[in-house]
Amino acid sequence: MKGILRFGKKGKSSPRFIGPLKILEQIGPVAYGLALPPSLSAVHDVFHVSMLRKYVTNPSHAVDYESLEIDENLSYAEQPVEILAREVKMLRNRGIPLVKVLWQNHKVEET
């Protein structure tokens, strides 16, 4: 779904689309009723097709739940595994160290 600017982050870092959302019914030739999450309860649930985009399944979007360990307070701890790269960027006259880290629950492509 496109164009929801008042939810989440604003500006360049805001997501262009949210979802995937389940289509409940086709209201007319160009309108669909969607099953919205509770966080979007203040938004009307019927949208024009120009606001929607087809979701193409991607296996890299799936989370492997077997490798995820959750604590009693429903959180998990990120543990660093390896430092992949080090670099020092110069900003004016000051050096800023940058470190690329491989985390325990992530793949190398995600770093």
PDB file of N, CA and C in Angstrom:
ATOM      1  N   MET A   1       0.850  -1.159   0.000  1.00  0.00           N
ATOM      2  CA  MET A   1       0.000   0.000   0.000  1.00  0.00           C
ATOM      3  C   MET A   1       0.900   1.228   0.000  1.00  0.00           C
ATOM      4  N   LYS A   2       0.577   2.215  -0.790  1.00  0.00           N
ATOM      5  CA  LYS A   2       1.430   3.375  -1.011  1.00  0.00           C
ATOM      6  C   LYS A   2       0.833   4.625  -0.368  1.00  0.00           C
ATOM      7  N   GLY A   3       1.694   5.545   0.053  1.00  0.00           N
ATOM      8  CA  GLY A   3       1.256   6.881   0.425  1.00  0.00           C
ATOM      9  C   GLY A   3       0.861   7.082   1.869  1.00  0.00           C
ATOM     10  N   ILE A   4       1.161   6.178   2.766  1.00  0.00           N
ATOM     11  CA  ILE A   4       0.841   6.373   4.178  1.00  0.00           C
ATOM     12  C   ILE A   4       2.026   7.082   4.816  1.00  0.00           C
ATOM     13  N   LEU A   5       1.970   8.396   4.919  1.00  0.00           N
ATOM     14  CA  LEU A   5       3.100   9.178   5.419  1.00  0.00           C
ATOM     15  C   LEU A   5       3.023   9.452   6.911  1.00  0.00           C
ATOM     16  N   ARG A   6       1.850   9.365   7.505  1.00  0.00           N
ATOM     17  CA  ARG A   6       1.743   9.766   8.898  1.00  0.00           C
ATOM     18  C   ARG A   6       2.081   8.650   9.874  1.00  0.00           C
ATOM     19  N   PHE A   7       2.468   7.470   9.378  1.00  0.00           N
ATOM     20  CA  PHE A   7       2.811   6.350  10.243  1.00  0.00           C
ATOM     21  C   PHE A   7       4.288   6.047  10.129  1.00  0.00           C
ATOM     22  N   GLY A   8       4.931   5.753  11.243  1.00  0.00           N
ATOM     23  CA  GLY A   8       6.336   5.364  11.217  1.00  0.00           C
ATOM     24  C   GLY A   8       7.255   6.538  10.971  1.00  0.00           C
ATOM     25  N   LYS A   9       8.357   6.277  10.283  1.00  0.00           N
ATOM     26  CA  LYS A   9       9.367   7.295  10.024  1.00  0.00           C
ATOM     27  C   LYS A   9       8.921   8.230   8.915  1.00  0.00           C
ATOM     28  N   LYS A  10       9.427   9.453   8.949  1.00  0.00           N
ATOM     29  CA  LYS A  10       9.111  10.432   7.928  1.00  0.00           C
ATOM     30  C   LYS A  10      10.374  10.773   7.148  1.00  0.00           C
ATOM     31  N   GLY A  11      10.199  11.276   5.956  1.00  0.00           N
ATOM     32  CA  GLY A  11      11.328  11.716   5.156  1.00  0.00           C
ATOM     33  C   GLY A  11      11.887  10.607   4.293  1.00  0.00           C
ATOM     34  N   LYS A  12      13.177  10.706   4.003  1.00  0.00           N
ATOM     35  CA  LYS A  12      13.822   9.756   3.101  1.00  0.00           C
ATOM     36  C   LYS A  12      13.858   8.340   3.659  1.00  0.00           C
ATOM     37  N   SER A  13      13.911   8.202   4.976  1.00  0.00           N
ATOM     38  CA  SER A  13      14.024   6.874   5.564  1.00  0.00           C
ATOM     39  C   SER A  13      12.686   6.166   5.727  1.00  0.00           C
ATOM     40  N   SER A  14      11.582   6.806   5.352  1.00  0.00           N
ATOM     41  CA  SER A  14      10.278   6.168   5.482  1.00  0.00           C
ATOM     42  C   SER A  14      10.083   5.129   4.382  1.00  0.00           C
ATOM     43  N   PRO A  15       9.415   4.032   4.689  1.00  0.00           N
ATOM     44  CA  PRO A  15       9.181   3.022   3.658  1.00  0.00           C
ATOM     45  C   PRO A  15       8.184   3.526   2.622  1.00  0.00           C
ATOM     46  N   ARG A  16       8.392   3.162   1.367  1.00  0.00           N
ATOM     47  CA  ARG A  16       7.484   3.592   0.306  1.00  0.00           C
ATOM     48  C   ARG A  16       6.182   2.813   0.344  1.00  0.00           C
ATOM     49  N   PHE A  17       6.246   1.564   0.770  1.00  0.00           N
ATOM     50  CA  PHE A  17       5.069   0.710   0.833  1.00  0.00           C
ATOM     51  C   PHE A  17       5.056  -0.019   2.164  1.00  0.00           C
ATOM     52  N   ILE A  18       3.855  -0.411   2.615  1.00  0.00           N
ATOM     53  CA  ILE A  18       3.725  -1.247   3.807  1.00  0.00           C
ATOM     54  C   ILE A  18       2.992  -2.518   3.398  1.00  0.00           C
ATOM     55  N   GLY A  19       3.216  -3.578   4.131  1.00  0.00           N
ATOM     56  CA  GLY A  19       2.511  -4.814   3.795  1.00  0.00           C
ATOM     57  C   GLY A  19       3.468  -5.971   3.741  1.00  0.00           C
ATOM     58  N   PRO A  20       3.076  -7.088   3.237  1.00  0.00           N
ATOM     59  CA  PRO A  20       1.898  -7.405   2.440  1.00  0.00           C
ATOM     60  C   PRO A  20       0.627  -7.467   3.291  1.00  0.00           C
ATOM     61  N   LEU A  21      -0.485  -7.108   2.683  1.00  0.00           N
ATOM     62  CA  LEU A  21      -1.787  -7.120   3.334  1.00  0.00           C
ATOM     63  C   LEU A  21      -2.716  -8.049   2.567  1.00  0.00           C
ATOM     64  N   LYS A  22      -3.644  -8.670   3.276  1.00  0.00           N
ATOM     65  CA  LYS A  22      -4.581  -9.599   2.656  1.00  0.00           C
ATOM     66  C   LYS A  22      -5.759  -8.826   2.071  1.00  0.00           C
ATOM     67  N   ILE A  23      -6.144  -9.188   0.842  1.00  0.00           N
ATOM     68  CA  ILE A  23      -7.309  -8.576   0.197  1.00  0.00           C
ATOM     69  C   ILE A  23      -8.546  -9.327   0.668  1.00  0.00           C
ATOM     70  N   LEU A  24      -9.498  -8.595   1.274  1.00  0.00           N
ATOM     71  CA  LEU A  24     -10.724  -9.212   1.763  1.00  0.00           C
ATOM     72  C   LEU A  24     -11.779  -9.318   0.671  1.00  0.00           C
ATOM     73  N   GLU A  25     -11.944  -8.238  -0.110  1.00  0.00           N
ATOM     74  CA  GLU A  25     -12.968  -8.246  -1.152  1.00  0.00           C
ATOM     75  C   GLU A  25     -12.671  -7.182  -2.196  1.00  0.00           C
ATOM     76  N   GLN A  26     -13.241  -7.380  -3.377  1.00  0.00           N
ATOM     77  CA  GLN A  26     -13.163  -6.374  -4.430  1.00  0.00           C
ATOM     78  C   GLN A  26     -14.441  -5.552  -4.342  1.00  0.00           C
ATOM     79  N   ILE A  27     -14.308  -4.263  -4.041  1.00  0.00           N
ATOM     80  CA  ILE A  27     -15.458  -3.387  -3.844  1.00  0.00           C
ATOM     81  C   ILE A  27     -16.061  -2.980  -5.187  1.00  0.00           C
ATOM     82  N   GLY A  28     -15.236  -2.626  -6.118  1.00  0.00           N
ATOM     83  CA  GLY A  28     -15.668  -2.226  -7.454  1.00  0.00           C
ATOM     84  C   GLY A  28     -14.602  -2.644  -8.443  1.00  0.00           C
ATOM     85  N   PRO A  29     -14.664  -2.121  -9.665  1.00  0.00           N
ATOM     86  CA  PRO A  29     -13.645  -2.513 -10.645  1.00  0.00           C
ATOM     87  C   PRO A  29     -12.249  -1.999 -10.307  1.00  0.00           C
ATOM     88  N   VAL A  30     -12.130  -0.944  -9.497  1.00  0.00           N
ATOM     89  CA  VAL A  30     -10.818  -0.365  -9.184  1.00  0.00           C
ATOM     90  C   VAL A  30     -10.600  -0.145  -7.692  1.00  0.00           C
ATOM     91  N   ALA A  31     -11.368  -0.804  -6.812  1.00  0.00           N
ATOM     92  CA  ALA A  31     -11.232  -0.613  -5.369  1.00  0.00           C
ATOM     93  C   ALA A  31     -11.236  -1.963  -4.662  1.00  0.00           C
ATOM     94  N   TYR A  32     -10.388  -2.066  -3.626  1.00  0.00           N
ATOM     95  CA  TYR A  32     -10.275  -3.303  -2.864  1.00  0.00           C
ATOM     96  C   TYR A  32     -10.336  -3.003  -1.376  1.00  0.00           C
ATOM     97  N   GLY A  33     -10.985  -3.899  -0.626  1.00  0.00           N
ATOM     98  CA  GLY A  33     -10.993  -3.839   0.827  1.00  0.00           C
ATOM     99  C   GLY A  33      -9.872  -4.699   1.365  1.00  0.00           C
ATOM    100  N   LEU A  34      -9.047  -4.144   2.260  1.00  0.00           N
ATOM    101  CA  LEU A  34      -7.873  -4.842   2.784  1.00  0.00           C
ATOM    102  C   LEU A  34      -8.028  -5.139   4.266  1.00  0.00           C
ATOM    103  N   ALA A  35      -7.369  -6.172   4.728  1.00  0.00           N
ATOM    104  CA  ALA A  35      -7.289  -6.489   6.154  1.00  0.00           C
ATOM    105  C   ALA A  35      -6.109  -5.716   6.724  1.00  0.00           C
ATOM    106  N   LEU A  36      -6.396  -4.643   7.458  1.00  0.00           N
ATOM    107  CA  LEU A  36      -5.345  -3.786   8.008  1.00  0.00           C
ATOM    108  C   LEU A  36      -4.959  -4.244   9.410  1.00  0.00           C
ATOM    109  N   PRO A  37      -3.691  -4.056   9.811  1.00  0.00           N
ATOM    110  CA  PRO A  37      -3.274  -4.390  11.173  1.00  0.00           C
ATOM    111  C   PRO A  37      -3.874  -3.399  12.171  1.00  0.00           C
ATOM    112  N   PRO A  38      -3.900  -3.751  13.454  1.00  0.00           N
ATOM    113  CA  PRO A  38      -4.470  -2.852  14.467  1.00  0.00           C
ATOM    114  C   PRO A  38      -3.783  -1.487  14.537  1.00  0.00           C
ATOM    115  N   SER A  39      -2.510  -1.402  14.153  1.00  0.00           N
ATOM    116  CA  SER A  39      -1.819  -0.108  14.196  1.00  0.00           C
ATOM    117  C   SER A  39      -2.378   0.868  13.165  1.00  0.00           C
ATOM    118  N   LEU A  40      -3.102   0.364  12.159  1.00  0.00           N
ATOM    119  CA  LEU A  40      -3.708   1.219  11.134  1.00  0.00           C
ATOM    120  C   LEU A  40      -5.223   1.261  11.273  1.00  0.00           C
ATOM    121  N   SER A  41      -5.729   1.116  12.491  1.00  0.00           N
ATOM    122  CA  SER A  41      -7.175   1.076  12.699  1.00  0.00           C
ATOM    123  C   SER A  41      -7.856   2.405  12.383  1.00  0.00           C
ATOM    124  N   ALA A  42      -7.118   3.512  12.388  1.00  0.00           N
ATOM    125  CA  ALA A  42      -7.711   4.816  12.092  1.00  0.00           C
ATOM    126  C   ALA A  42      -7.811   5.087  10.593  1.00  0.00           C
ATOM    127  N   VAL A  43      -7.297   4.185   9.760  1.00  0.00           N
ATOM    128  CA  VAL A  43      -7.292   4.372   8.311  1.00  0.00           C
ATOM    129  C   VAL A  43      -8.446   3.578   7.711  1.00  0.00           C
ATOM    130  N   HIS A  44      -9.146   4.167   6.737  1.00  0.00           N
ATOM    131  CA  HIS A  44     -10.222   3.470   6.042  1.00  0.00           C
ATOM    132  C   HIS A  44      -9.639   2.288   5.275  1.00  0.00           C
ATOM    133  N   ASP A  45     -10.349   1.168   5.235  1.00  0.00           N
ATOM    134  CA  ASP A  45      -9.781  -0.069   4.696  1.00  0.00           C
ATOM    135  C   ASP A  45     -10.044  -0.311   3.210  1.00  0.00           C
ATOM    136  N   VAL A  46     -10.572   0.659   2.461  1.00  0.00           N
ATOM    137  CA  VAL A  46     -10.808   0.509   1.023  1.00  0.00           C
ATOM    138  C   VAL A  46      -9.823   1.403   0.276  1.00  0.00           C
ATOM    139  N   PHE A  47      -9.110   0.802  -0.715  1.00  0.00           N
ATOM    140  CA  PHE A  47      -8.070   1.528  -1.437  1.00  0.00           C
ATOM    141  C   PHE A  47      -8.233   1.346  -2.936  1.00  0.00           C
ATOM    142  N   HIS A  48      -7.840   2.368  -3.687  1.00  0.00           N
ATOM    143  CA  HIS A  48      -7.824   2.324  -5.147  1.00  0.00           C
ATOM    144  C   HIS A  48      -6.645   1.456  -5.593  1.00  0.00           C
ATOM    145  N   VAL A  49      -6.774   0.813  -6.756  1.00  0.00           N
ATOM    146  CA  VAL A  49      -5.716  -0.081  -7.230  1.00  0.00           C
ATOM    147  C   VAL A  49      -4.403   0.647  -7.481  1.00  0.00           C
ATOM    148  N   SER A  50      -4.438   1.943  -7.746  1.00  0.00           N
ATOM    149  CA  SER A  50      -3.196   2.689  -7.962  1.00  0.00           C
ATOM    150  C   SER A  50      -2.378   2.814  -6.680  1.00  0.00           C
ATOM    151  N   MET A  51      -3.012   2.616  -5.524  1.00  0.00           N
ATOM    152  CA  MET A  51      -2.313   2.674  -4.245  1.00  0.00           C
ATOM    153  C   MET A  51      -1.702   1.321  -3.863  1.00  0.00           C
ATOM    154  N   LEU A  52      -2.014   0.269  -4.610  1.00  0.00           N
ATOM    155  CA  LEU A  52      -1.575  -1.081  -4.272  1.00  0.00           C
ATOM    156  C   LEU A  52      -0.503  -1.556  -5.236  1.00  0.00           C
ATOM    157  N   ARG A  53       0.324  -2.472  -4.778  1.00  0.00           N
ATOM    158  CA  ARG A  53       1.350  -3.073  -5.612  1.00  0.00           C
ATOM    159  C   ARG A  53       1.367  -4.569  -5.324  1.00  0.00           C
ATOM    160  N   LYS A  54       1.528  -5.382  -6.363  1.00  0.00           N
ATOM    161  CA  LYS A  54       1.562  -6.829  -6.202  1.00  0.00           C
ATOM    162  C   LYS A  54       2.833  -7.233  -5.464  1.00  0.00           C
ATOM    163  N   TYR A  55       2.693  -8.163  -4.519  1.00  0.00           N
ATOM    164  CA  TYR A  55       3.835  -8.653  -3.755  1.00  0.00           C
ATOM    165  C   TYR A  55       4.430  -9.856  -4.467  1.00  0.00           C
ATOM    166  N   VAL A  56       5.702  -9.774  -4.779  1.00  0.00           N
ATOM    167  CA  VAL A  56       6.427 -10.882  -5.396  1.00  0.00           C
ATOM    168  C   VAL A  56       7.185 -11.592  -4.285  1.00  0.00           C
ATOM    169  N   THR A  57       6.909 -12.881  -4.104  1.00  0.00           N
ATOM    170  CA  THR A  57       7.541 -13.619  -3.011  1.00  0.00           C
ATOM    171  C   THR A  57       9.040 -13.738  -3.241  1.00  0.00           C
ATOM    172  N   ASN A  58       9.785 -13.601  -2.151  1.00  0.00           N
ATOM    173  CA  ASN A  58      11.236 -13.677  -2.190  1.00  0.00           C
ATOM    174  C   ASN A  58      11.680 -14.518  -0.998  1.00  0.00           C
ATOM    175  N   PRO A  59      12.372 -15.640  -1.219  1.00  0.00           N
ATOM    176  CA  PRO A  59      12.776 -16.490  -0.094  1.00  0.00           C
ATOM    177  C   PRO A  59      13.700 -15.799   0.903  1.00  0.00           C
ATOM    178  N   SER A  60      14.417 -14.758   0.485  1.00  0.00           N
ATOM    179  CA  SER A  60      15.311 -14.066   1.422  1.00  0.00           C
ATOM    180  C   SER A  60      14.538 -13.215   2.423  1.00  0.00           C
ATOM    181  N   HIS A  61      13.239 -12.963   2.183  1.00  0.00           N
ATOM    182  CA  HIS A  61      12.424 -12.196   3.129  1.00  0.00           C
ATOM    183  C   HIS A  61      11.947 -13.052   4.298  1.00  0.00           C
ATOM    184  N   ALA A  62      12.032 -14.374   4.176  1.00  0.00           N
ATOM    185  CA  ALA A  62      11.556 -15.274   5.224  1.00  0.00           C
ATOM    186  C   ALA A  62      12.577 -15.356   6.352  1.00  0.00           C
ATOM    187  N   VAL A  63      12.080 -15.439   7.591  1.00  0.00           N
ATOM    188  CA  VAL A  63      12.934 -15.534   8.774  1.00  0.00           C
ATOM    189  C   VAL A  63      12.974 -16.991   9.217  1.00  0.00           C
ATOM    190  N   ASP A  64      14.164 -17.505   9.494  1.00  0.00           N
ATOM    191  CA  ASP A  64      14.320 -18.865   9.988  1.00  0.00           C
ATOM    192  C   ASP A  64      14.082 -18.848  11.495  1.00  0.00           C
ATOM    193  N   TYR A  65      12.925 -19.344  11.934  1.00  0.00           N
ATOM    194  CA  TYR A  65      12.547 -19.267  13.341  1.00  0.00           C
ATOM    195  C   TYR A  65      13.291 -20.277  14.213  1.00  0.00           C
ATOM    196  N   GLU A  66      13.813 -21.362  13.631  1.00  0.00           N
ATOM    197  CA  GLU A  66      14.511 -22.364  14.430  1.00  0.00           C
ATOM    198  C   GLU A  66      15.815 -21.819  15.006  1.00  0.00           C
ATOM    199  N   SER A  67      16.500 -20.956  14.271  1.00  0.00           N
ATOM    200  CA  SER A  67      17.783 -20.433  14.739  1.00  0.00           C
ATOM    201  C   SER A  67      17.628 -19.232  15.672  1.00  0.00           C
ATOM    202  N   LEU A  68      16.417 -18.758  15.871  1.00  0.00           N
ATOM    203  CA  LEU A  68      16.165 -17.578  16.700  1.00  0.00           C
ATOM    204  C   LEU A  68      15.845 -18.014  18.124  1.00  0.00           C
ATOM    205  N   GLU A  69      16.632 -17.539  19.085  1.00  0.00           N
ATOM    206  CA  GLU A  69      16.411 -17.864  20.488  1.00  0.00           C
ATOM    207  C   GLU A  69      15.834 -16.644  21.194  1.00  0.00           C
ATOM    208  N   ILE A  70      14.676 -16.820  21.836  1.00  0.00           N
ATOM    209  CA  ILE A  70      13.977 -15.710  22.488  1.00  0.00           C
ATOM    210  C   ILE A  70      14.087 -15.870  24.000  1.00  0.00           C
ATOM    211  N   ASP A  71      14.394 -14.764  24.696  1.00  0.00           N
ATOM    212  CA  ASP A  71      14.482 -14.770  26.153  1.00  0.00           C
ATOM    213  C   ASP A  71      13.087 -14.793  26.774  1.00  0.00           C
ATOM    214  N   GLU A  72      13.049 -14.869  28.116  1.00  0.00           N
ATOM    215  CA  GLU A  72      11.770 -14.875  28.828  1.00  0.00           C
ATOM    216  C   GLU A  72      11.000 -13.575  28.627  1.00  0.00           C
ATOM    217  N   ASN A  73      11.709 -12.459  28.476  1.00  0.00           N
ATOM    218  CA  ASN A  73      11.042 -11.168  28.301  1.00  0.00           C
ATOM    219  C   ASN A  73      10.777 -10.868  26.820  1.00  0.00           C
ATOM    220  N   LEU A  74      10.712 -11.916  25.975  1.00  0.00           N
ATOM    221  CA  LEU A  74      10.393 -11.821  24.540  1.00  0.00           C
ATOM    222  C   LEU A  74      11.347 -10.917  23.773  1.00  0.00           C
ATOM    223  N   SER A  75      12.635 -11.023  24.070  1.00  0.00           N
ATOM    224  CA  SER A  75      13.651 -10.295  23.319  1.00  0.00           C
ATOM    225  C   SER A  75      14.817 -11.248  23.051  1.00  0.00           C
ATOM    226  N   TYR A  76      15.701 -10.861  22.157  1.00  0.00           N
ATOM    227  CA  TYR A  76      16.875 -11.676  21.892  1.00  0.00           C
ATOM    228  C   TYR A  76      18.094 -10.773  21.837  1.00  0.00           C
ATOM    229  N   ALA A  77      19.245 -11.345  22.151  1.00  0.00           N
ATOM    230  CA  ALA A  77      20.484 -10.573  22.203  1.00  0.00           C
ATOM    231  C   ALA A  77      21.269 -10.786  20.919  1.00  0.00           C
ATOM    232  N   GLU A  78      21.722  -9.707  20.326  1.00  0.00           N
ATOM    233  CA  GLU A  78      22.569  -9.762  19.135  1.00  0.00           C
ATOM    234  C   GLU A  78      24.015  -9.923  19.594  1.00  0.00           C
ATOM    235  N   GLN A  79      24.703 -10.932  19.086  1.00  0.00           N
ATOM    236  CA  GLN A  79      26.090 -11.179  19.436  1.00  0.00           C
ATOM    237  C   GLN A  79      26.965 -10.987  18.203  1.00  0.00           C
ATOM    238  N   PRO A  80      28.032 -10.171  18.306  1.00  0.00           N
ATOM    239  CA  PRO A  80      28.936 -10.027  17.162  1.00  0.00           C
ATOM    240  C   PRO A  80      29.763 -11.297  16.974  1.00  0.00           C
ATOM    241  N   VAL A  81      29.963 -11.689  15.708  1.00  0.00           N
ATOM    242  CA  VAL A  81      30.720 -12.897  15.394  1.00  0.00           C
ATOM    243  C   VAL A  81      32.101 -12.542  14.871  1.00  0.00           C
ATOM    244  N   GLU A  82      32.148 -11.586  13.932  1.00  0.00           N
ATOM    245  CA  GLU A  82      33.406 -11.283  13.256  1.00  0.00           C
ATOM    246  C   GLU A  82      33.374  -9.848  12.745  1.00  0.00           C
ATOM    247  N   ILE A  83      34.535  -9.201  12.766  1.00  0.00           N
ATOM    248  CA  ILE A  83      34.674  -7.877  12.158  1.00  0.00           C
ATOM    249  C   ILE A  83      35.104  -8.092  10.718  1.00  0.00           C
ATOM    250  N   LEU A  84      34.268  -7.642   9.774  1.00  0.00           N
ATOM    251  CA  LEU A  84      34.518  -7.889   8.356  1.00  0.00           C
ATOM    252  C   LEU A  84      35.401  -6.828   7.718  1.00  0.00           C
ATOM    253  N   ALA A  85      35.245  -5.573   8.131  1.00  0.00           N
ATOM    254  CA  ALA A  85      36.029  -4.495   7.513  1.00  0.00           C
ATOM    255  C   ALA A  85      36.167  -3.342   8.494  1.00  0.00           C
ATOM    256  N   ARG A  86      37.298  -2.647   8.374  1.00  0.00           N
ATOM    257  CA  ARG A  86      37.553  -1.428   9.153  1.00  0.00           C
ATOM    258  C   ARG A  86      37.951  -0.331   8.189  1.00  0.00           C
ATOM    259  N   GLU A  87      37.547   0.887   8.532  1.00  0.00           N
ATOM    260  CA  GLU A  87      37.837   2.021   7.657  1.00  0.00           C
ATOM    261  C   GLU A  87      37.779   3.292   8.504  1.00  0.00           C
ATOM    262  N   VAL A  88      38.572   4.275   8.133  1.00  0.00           N
ATOM    263  CA  VAL A  88      38.544   5.570   8.807  1.00  0.00           C
ATOM    264  C   VAL A  88      38.177   6.621   7.771  1.00  0.00           C
ATOM    265  N   LYS A  89      37.034   7.265   7.977  1.00  0.00           N
ATOM    266  CA  LYS A  89      36.586   8.341   7.085  1.00  0.00           C
ATOM    267  C   LYS A  89      37.008   9.672   7.695  1.00  0.00           C
ATOM    268  N   MET A  90      37.466  10.564   6.853  1.00  0.00           N
ATOM    269  CA  MET A  90      37.876  11.882   7.326  1.00  0.00           C
ATOM    270  C   MET A  90      36.721  12.863   7.152  1.00  0.00           C
ATOM    271  N   LEU A  91      36.347  13.527   8.229  1.00  0.00           N
ATOM    272  CA  LEU A  91      35.332  14.568   8.209  1.00  0.00           C
ATOM    273  C   LEU A  91      35.994  15.836   8.714  1.00  0.00           C
ATOM    274  N   ARG A  92      36.221  16.742   7.788  1.00  0.00           N
ATOM    275  CA  ARG A  92      37.013  17.941   8.049  1.00  0.00           C
ATOM    276  C   ARG A  92      38.402  17.511   8.514  1.00  0.00           C
ATOM    277  N   ASN A  93      38.780  17.782   9.748  1.00  0.00           N
ATOM    278  CA  ASN A  93      40.107  17.393  10.232  1.00  0.00           C
ATOM    279  C   ASN A  93      40.045  16.241  11.225  1.00  0.00           C
ATOM    280  N   ARG A  94      38.936  15.550  11.277  1.00  0.00           N
ATOM    281  CA  ARG A  94      38.755  14.515  12.283  1.00  0.00           C
ATOM    282  C   ARG A  94      38.496  13.169  11.603  1.00  0.00           C
ATOM    283  N   GLY A  95      39.130  12.131  12.090  1.00  0.00           N
ATOM    284  CA  GLY A  95      38.921  10.783  11.558  1.00  0.00           C
ATOM    285  C   GLY A  95      37.797  10.079  12.306  1.00  0.00           C
ATOM    286  N   ILE A  96      36.873   9.464  11.556  1.00  0.00           N
ATOM    287  CA  ILE A  96      35.752   8.736  12.147  1.00  0.00           C
ATOM    288  C   ILE A  96      35.919   7.258  11.797  1.00  0.00           C
ATOM    289  N   PRO A  97      36.117   6.400  12.802  1.00  0.00           N
ATOM    290  CA  PRO A  97      36.287   4.971  12.500  1.00  0.00           C
ATOM    291  C   PRO A  97      34.948   4.311  12.163  1.00  0.00           C
ATOM    292  N   LEU A  98      34.922   3.520  11.079  1.00  0.00           N
ATOM    293  CA  LEU A  98      33.757   2.743  10.672  1.00  0.00           C
ATOM    294  C   LEU A  98      34.129   1.267  10.734  1.00  0.00           C
ATOM    295  N   VAL A  99      33.227   0.455  11.287  1.00  0.00           N
ATOM    296  CA  VAL A  99      33.477  -0.974  11.433  1.00  0.00           C
ATOM    297  C   VAL A  99      32.274  -1.731  10.876  1.00  0.00           C
ATOM    298  N   LYS A 100      32.529  -2.710  10.001  1.00  0.00           N
ATOM    299  CA  LYS A 100      31.479  -3.576   9.461  1.00  0.00           C
ATOM    300  C   LYS A 100      31.524  -4.889  10.228  1.00  0.00           C
ATOM    301  N   VAL A 101      30.408  -5.232  10.919  1.00  0.00           N
ATOM    302  CA  VAL A 101      30.374  -6.365  11.835  1.00  0.00           C
ATOM    303  C   VAL A 101      29.394  -7.420  11.327  1.00  0.00           C
ATOM    304  N   LEU A 102      29.787  -8.680  11.407  1.00  0.00           N
ATOM    305  CA  LEU A 102      28.892  -9.803  11.129  1.00  0.00           C
ATOM    306  C   LEU A 102      28.249 -10.213  12.447  1.00  0.00           C
ATOM    307  N   TRP A 103      26.906 -10.175  12.515  1.00  0.00           N
ATOM    308  CA  TRP A 103      26.177 -10.507  13.731  1.00  0.00           C
ATOM    309  C   TRP A 103      25.737 -11.962  13.694  1.00  0.00           C
ATOM    310  N   GLN A 104      25.434 -12.510  14.860  1.00  0.00           N
ATOM    311  CA  GLN A 104      25.138 -13.928  15.006  1.00  0.00           C
ATOM    312  C   GLN A 104      23.893 -14.353  14.225  1.00  0.00           C
ATOM    313  N   ASN A 105      22.827 -13.599  14.253  1.00  0.00           N
ATOM    314  CA  ASN A 105      21.565 -14.003  13.635  1.00  0.00           C
ATOM    315  C   ASN A 105      21.384 -13.448  12.233  1.00  0.00           C
ATOM    316  N   HIS A 106      22.445 -12.948  11.594  1.00  0.00           N
ATOM    317  CA  HIS A 106      22.344 -12.347  10.268  1.00  0.00           C
ATOM    318  C   HIS A 106      23.326 -13.006   9.311  1.00  0.00           C
ATOM    319  N   LYS A 107      23.057 -12.852   8.022  1.00  0.00           N
ATOM    320  CA  LYS A 107      23.938 -13.375   6.982  1.00  0.00           C
ATOM    321  C   LYS A 107      24.931 -12.299   6.566  1.00  0.00           C
ATOM    322  N   VAL A 108      25.960 -12.693   5.824  1.00  0.00           N
ATOM    323  CA  VAL A 108      26.980 -11.746   5.374  1.00  0.00           C
ATOM    324  C   VAL A 108      26.363 -10.711   4.439  1.00  0.00           C
ATOM    325  N   GLU A 109      25.356 -11.102   3.637  1.00  0.00           N
ATOM    326  CA  GLU A 109      24.728 -10.171   2.698  1.00  0.00           C
ATOM    327  C   GLU A 109      23.984  -9.046   3.410  1.00  0.00           C
ATOM    328  N   GLU A 110      23.552  -9.266   4.656  1.00  0.00           N
ATOM    329  CA  GLU A 110      22.776  -8.273   5.393  1.00  0.00           C
ATOM    330  C   GLU A 110      23.638  -7.232   6.085  1.00  0.00           C
ATOM    331  N   THR A 111      24.954  -7.427   6.152  1.00  0.00           N
ATOM    332  CA  THR A 111      25.816  -6.495   6.875  1.00  0.00           C
ATOM    333  C   THR A 111      26.006  -5.214   6.120  1.00  0.00           C
TER     334      THR A 111
END
